Amino acid sequence: MSRIHGIPVGALVRLASEHLAVMAEPGGETLLKPKVRVFYSLRRKEKVLAHTLDLADPACRDSIVGPENPEKWGFTHFEALWL
């Protein structure tokens, strides 16, 4: 299992944009900028259309703030939320 910042692929993370995402895969050129699967807005407190965000893309202005616990957000079927 690959890890970025000590966070394993498949783990829940908070983004600077106030979204929740799942670590999808390590970054190609740097492990510090992986691909994540965004699925939830913390501002609106609702699910958003899931999409993959490549944090290594020069046009991307988002970043990982840190890991989150799925239980804290009441995600009982976590995997189904972001597929």
N, C-alpha and C. Protein backbone atom coordinates (compact mmCIF):
# COMPACT_ATOMS: atom_id res chain seq x y z
N MET A 1 0.85 -1.18 0.00
CA MET A 1 0.00 0.00 0.00
C MET A 1 0.89 1.24 0.00
N SER A 2 0.69 2.14 -0.92
CA SER A 2 1.47 3.36 -0.99
C SER A 2 0.98 4.36 0.06
N ARG A 3 1.91 5.23 0.49
CA ARG A 3 1.56 6.25 1.47
C ARG A 3 2.09 7.60 1.02
N ILE A 4 1.32 8.65 1.27
CA ILE A 4 1.71 10.01 0.98
C ILE A 4 1.59 10.77 2.29
N HIS A 5 2.65 11.45 2.70
CA HIS A 5 2.63 12.16 3.99
C HIS A 5 2.23 11.21 5.12
N GLY A 6 2.52 9.92 4.99
CA GLY A 6 2.12 8.95 5.99
C GLY A 6 0.65 8.56 5.90
N ILE A 7 -0.05 9.05 4.89
CA ILE A 7 -1.47 8.75 4.70
C ILE A 7 -1.59 7.69 3.62
N PRO A 8 -2.20 6.55 3.91
CA PRO A 8 -2.28 5.49 2.90
C PRO A 8 -3.31 5.76 1.81
N VAL A 9 -3.06 5.19 0.65
CA VAL A 9 -4.04 5.24 -0.43
C VAL A 9 -5.32 4.60 0.10
N GLY A 10 -6.47 5.22 -0.16
CA GLY A 10 -7.75 4.73 0.33
C GLY A 10 -8.21 5.45 1.58
N ALA A 11 -7.35 6.30 2.16
CA ALA A 11 -7.70 7.02 3.38
C ALA A 11 -8.45 8.31 3.05
N LEU A 12 -9.23 8.78 4.00
CA LEU A 12 -9.98 10.03 3.89
C LEU A 12 -9.07 11.20 4.25
N VAL A 13 -9.11 12.27 3.42
CA VAL A 13 -8.31 13.47 3.69
C VAL A 13 -9.17 14.72 3.54
N ARG A 14 -8.77 15.77 4.25
CA ARG A 14 -9.40 17.09 4.11
C ARG A 14 -8.51 17.91 3.17
N LEU A 15 -9.16 18.63 2.25
CA LEU A 15 -8.44 19.49 1.32
C LEU A 15 -8.54 20.95 1.75
N ALA A 16 -7.62 21.77 1.31
CA ALA A 16 -7.63 23.19 1.64
C ALA A 16 -8.90 23.86 1.13
N SER A 17 -9.50 23.31 0.09
CA SER A 17 -10.74 23.85 -0.49
C SER A 17 -11.98 23.52 0.33
N GLU A 18 -11.79 22.91 1.51
CA GLU A 18 -12.90 22.50 2.38
C GLU A 18 -13.75 21.39 1.75
N HIS A 19 -13.08 20.47 1.10
CA HIS A 19 -13.71 19.26 0.58
C HIS A 19 -13.06 18.06 1.24
N LEU A 20 -13.79 16.95 1.27
CA LEU A 20 -13.23 15.68 1.69
C LEU A 20 -12.97 14.86 0.44
N ALA A 21 -11.89 14.09 0.50
CA ALA A 21 -11.50 13.27 -0.64
C ALA A 21 -10.83 12.01 -0.14
N VAL A 22 -10.68 11.06 -1.04
CA VAL A 22 -10.00 9.80 -0.74
C VAL A 22 -8.70 9.79 -1.51
N MET A 23 -7.63 9.38 -0.86
CA MET A 23 -6.35 9.24 -1.55
C MET A 23 -6.52 8.15 -2.60
N ALA A 24 -6.42 8.53 -3.88
CA ALA A 24 -6.68 7.59 -4.97
C ALA A 24 -5.41 6.89 -5.45
N GLU A 25 -4.35 7.66 -5.66
CA GLU A 25 -3.09 7.06 -6.11
C GLU A 25 -1.95 8.05 -5.90
N PRO A 26 -0.73 7.52 -5.76
CA PRO A 26 0.41 8.41 -5.58
C PRO A 26 0.62 9.29 -6.81
N GLY A 27 1.26 10.43 -6.59
CA GLY A 27 1.59 11.31 -7.71
C GLY A 27 2.67 10.70 -8.57
N GLY A 28 2.66 11.02 -9.85
CA GLY A 28 3.63 10.46 -10.77
C GLY A 28 5.05 10.93 -10.51
N GLU A 29 5.25 12.24 -10.39
CA GLU A 29 6.60 12.78 -10.23
C GLU A 29 6.97 13.04 -8.78
N THR A 30 5.99 13.27 -7.93
CA THR A 30 6.26 13.53 -6.53
C THR A 30 5.18 12.89 -5.66
N LEU A 31 5.59 12.28 -4.58
CA LEU A 31 4.63 11.67 -3.67
C LEU A 31 3.86 12.72 -2.88
N LEU A 32 4.32 13.96 -2.92
CA LEU A 32 3.66 15.02 -2.16
C LEU A 32 2.41 15.55 -2.84
N LYS A 33 2.21 15.18 -4.11
CA LYS A 33 1.04 15.67 -4.85
C LYS A 33 0.34 14.50 -5.54
N PRO A 34 -0.45 13.76 -4.79
CA PRO A 34 -1.13 12.59 -5.33
C PRO A 34 -2.41 12.95 -6.08
N LYS A 35 -3.07 11.93 -6.59
CA LYS A 35 -4.42 12.09 -7.13
C LYS A 35 -5.38 11.72 -6.01
N VAL A 36 -6.44 12.52 -5.88
CA VAL A 36 -7.45 12.27 -4.86
C VAL A 36 -8.81 12.24 -5.52
N ARG A 37 -9.75 11.56 -4.88
CA ARG A 37 -11.13 11.47 -5.39
C ARG A 37 -12.00 12.31 -4.47
N VAL A 38 -12.41 13.48 -4.93
CA VAL A 38 -13.21 14.43 -4.17
C VAL A 38 -14.67 13.99 -4.21
N PHE A 39 -15.35 14.00 -3.05
CA PHE A 39 -16.74 13.54 -3.04
C PHE A 39 -17.66 14.29 -2.08
N TYR A 40 -17.13 15.19 -1.23
CA TYR A 40 -17.96 15.81 -0.20
C TYR A 40 -17.52 17.25 0.05
N SER A 41 -18.51 18.18 0.17
CA SER A 41 -18.25 19.57 0.49
C SER A 41 -18.50 19.81 1.97
N LEU A 42 -17.48 20.28 2.68
CA LEU A 42 -17.64 20.59 4.10
C LEU A 42 -18.44 21.87 4.30
N ARG A 43 -18.33 22.80 3.39
CA ARG A 43 -19.09 24.06 3.50
C ARG A 43 -20.59 23.81 3.40
N ARG A 44 -20.97 23.00 2.41
CA ARG A 44 -22.40 22.73 2.18
C ARG A 44 -22.90 21.52 2.96
N LYS A 45 -21.96 20.76 3.52
CA LYS A 45 -22.30 19.55 4.28
C LYS A 45 -23.14 18.59 3.45
N GLU A 46 -22.65 18.36 2.21
CA GLU A 46 -23.36 17.43 1.33
C GLU A 46 -22.40 16.82 0.32
N LYS A 47 -22.84 15.70 -0.19
CA LYS A 47 -22.09 15.00 -1.21
C LYS A 47 -22.05 15.84 -2.48
N VAL A 48 -20.91 15.82 -3.19
CA VAL A 48 -20.78 16.49 -4.48
C VAL A 48 -20.50 15.42 -5.54
N LEU A 49 -20.66 15.78 -6.79
CA LEU A 49 -20.35 14.86 -7.86
C LEU A 49 -18.89 14.44 -7.74
N ALA A 50 -18.65 13.16 -7.54
CA ALA A 50 -17.29 12.66 -7.34
C ALA A 50 -16.44 12.91 -8.58
N HIS A 51 -15.22 13.39 -8.34
CA HIS A 51 -14.29 13.62 -9.44
C HIS A 51 -12.86 13.46 -8.94
N THR A 52 -11.98 13.10 -9.85
CA THR A 52 -10.58 12.91 -9.52
C THR A 52 -9.85 14.23 -9.72
N LEU A 53 -9.02 14.56 -8.74
CA LEU A 53 -8.25 15.79 -8.77
C LEU A 53 -6.78 15.43 -8.68
N ASP A 54 -5.99 15.86 -9.67
CA ASP A 54 -4.56 15.60 -9.68
C ASP A 54 -3.87 16.80 -9.04
N LEU A 55 -3.39 16.63 -7.82
CA LEU A 55 -2.78 17.73 -7.09
C LEU A 55 -1.45 18.16 -7.70
N ALA A 56 -0.88 17.34 -8.59
CA ALA A 56 0.37 17.68 -9.26
C ALA A 56 0.15 18.54 -10.50
N ASP A 57 -1.08 18.67 -10.94
CA ASP A 57 -1.39 19.48 -12.12
C ASP A 57 -1.05 20.95 -11.81
N PRO A 58 -0.27 21.60 -12.66
CA PRO A 58 0.10 23.00 -12.41
C PRO A 58 -1.10 23.94 -12.25
N ALA A 59 -2.22 23.60 -12.83
CA ALA A 59 -3.43 24.42 -12.72
C ALA A 59 -4.17 24.19 -11.40
N CYS A 60 -3.83 23.14 -10.68
CA CYS A 60 -4.52 22.81 -9.42
C CYS A 60 -4.00 23.69 -8.29
N ARG A 61 -4.92 24.32 -7.59
CA ARG A 61 -4.56 25.21 -6.48
C ARG A 61 -4.93 24.60 -5.12
N ASP A 62 -5.33 23.33 -5.12
CA ASP A 62 -5.75 22.67 -3.89
C ASP A 62 -4.59 21.88 -3.30
N SER A 63 -4.73 21.50 -2.04
CA SER A 63 -3.71 20.70 -1.37
C SER A 63 -4.35 19.95 -0.20
N ILE A 64 -3.63 18.96 0.29
CA ILE A 64 -4.10 18.18 1.43
C ILE A 64 -3.75 18.91 2.72
N VAL A 65 -4.75 19.07 3.58
CA VAL A 65 -4.55 19.67 4.89
C VAL A 65 -4.13 18.59 5.88
N GLY A 66 -4.80 17.42 5.81
CA GLY A 66 -4.47 16.32 6.70
C GLY A 66 -5.49 15.21 6.62
N PRO A 67 -5.25 14.14 7.37
CA PRO A 67 -6.18 13.01 7.37
C PRO A 67 -7.43 13.32 8.17
N GLU A 68 -8.50 12.61 7.85
CA GLU A 68 -9.77 12.73 8.57
C GLU A 68 -10.26 11.33 8.92
N ASN A 69 -11.04 11.24 9.98
CA ASN A 69 -11.63 9.97 10.40
C ASN A 69 -13.04 9.87 9.81
N PRO A 70 -13.31 8.85 8.99
CA PRO A 70 -14.65 8.71 8.40
C PRO A 70 -15.76 8.66 9.45
N GLU A 71 -15.49 8.08 10.61
CA GLU A 71 -16.51 7.98 11.66
C GLU A 71 -16.90 9.35 12.20
N LYS A 72 -15.96 10.29 12.21
CA LYS A 72 -16.24 11.65 12.68
C LYS A 72 -17.34 12.29 11.85
N TRP A 73 -17.39 11.95 10.57
CA TRP A 73 -18.37 12.53 9.65
C TRP A 73 -19.61 11.66 9.48
N GLY A 74 -19.67 10.54 10.20
CA GLY A 74 -20.84 9.68 10.13
C GLY A 74 -20.91 8.84 8.88
N PHE A 75 -19.77 8.62 8.23
CA PHE A 75 -19.74 7.80 7.02
C PHE A 75 -19.69 6.34 7.42
N THR A 76 -20.83 5.67 7.33
CA THR A 76 -20.89 4.26 7.70
C THR A 76 -20.51 3.34 6.54
N HIS A 77 -20.83 3.75 5.32
CA HIS A 77 -20.47 2.97 4.13
C HIS A 77 -19.52 3.84 3.31
N PHE A 78 -18.37 4.12 3.89
CA PHE A 78 -17.40 5.06 3.35
C PHE A 78 -17.06 4.80 1.88
N GLU A 79 -16.78 3.57 1.51
CA GLU A 79 -16.36 3.27 0.15
C GLU A 79 -17.42 3.65 -0.88
N ALA A 80 -18.68 3.49 -0.54
CA ALA A 80 -19.77 3.79 -1.48
C ALA A 80 -19.92 5.30 -1.72
N LEU A 81 -19.41 6.13 -0.84
CA LEU A 81 -19.58 7.58 -0.96
C LEU A 81 -18.78 8.18 -2.10
N TRP A 82 -17.65 7.59 -2.42
CA TRP A 82 -16.77 8.23 -3.39
C TRP A 82 -16.59 7.45 -4.68
N LEU A 83 -17.28 6.35 -4.85
CA LEU A 83 -17.15 5.57 -6.08
C LEU A 83 -17.96 6.17 -7.19
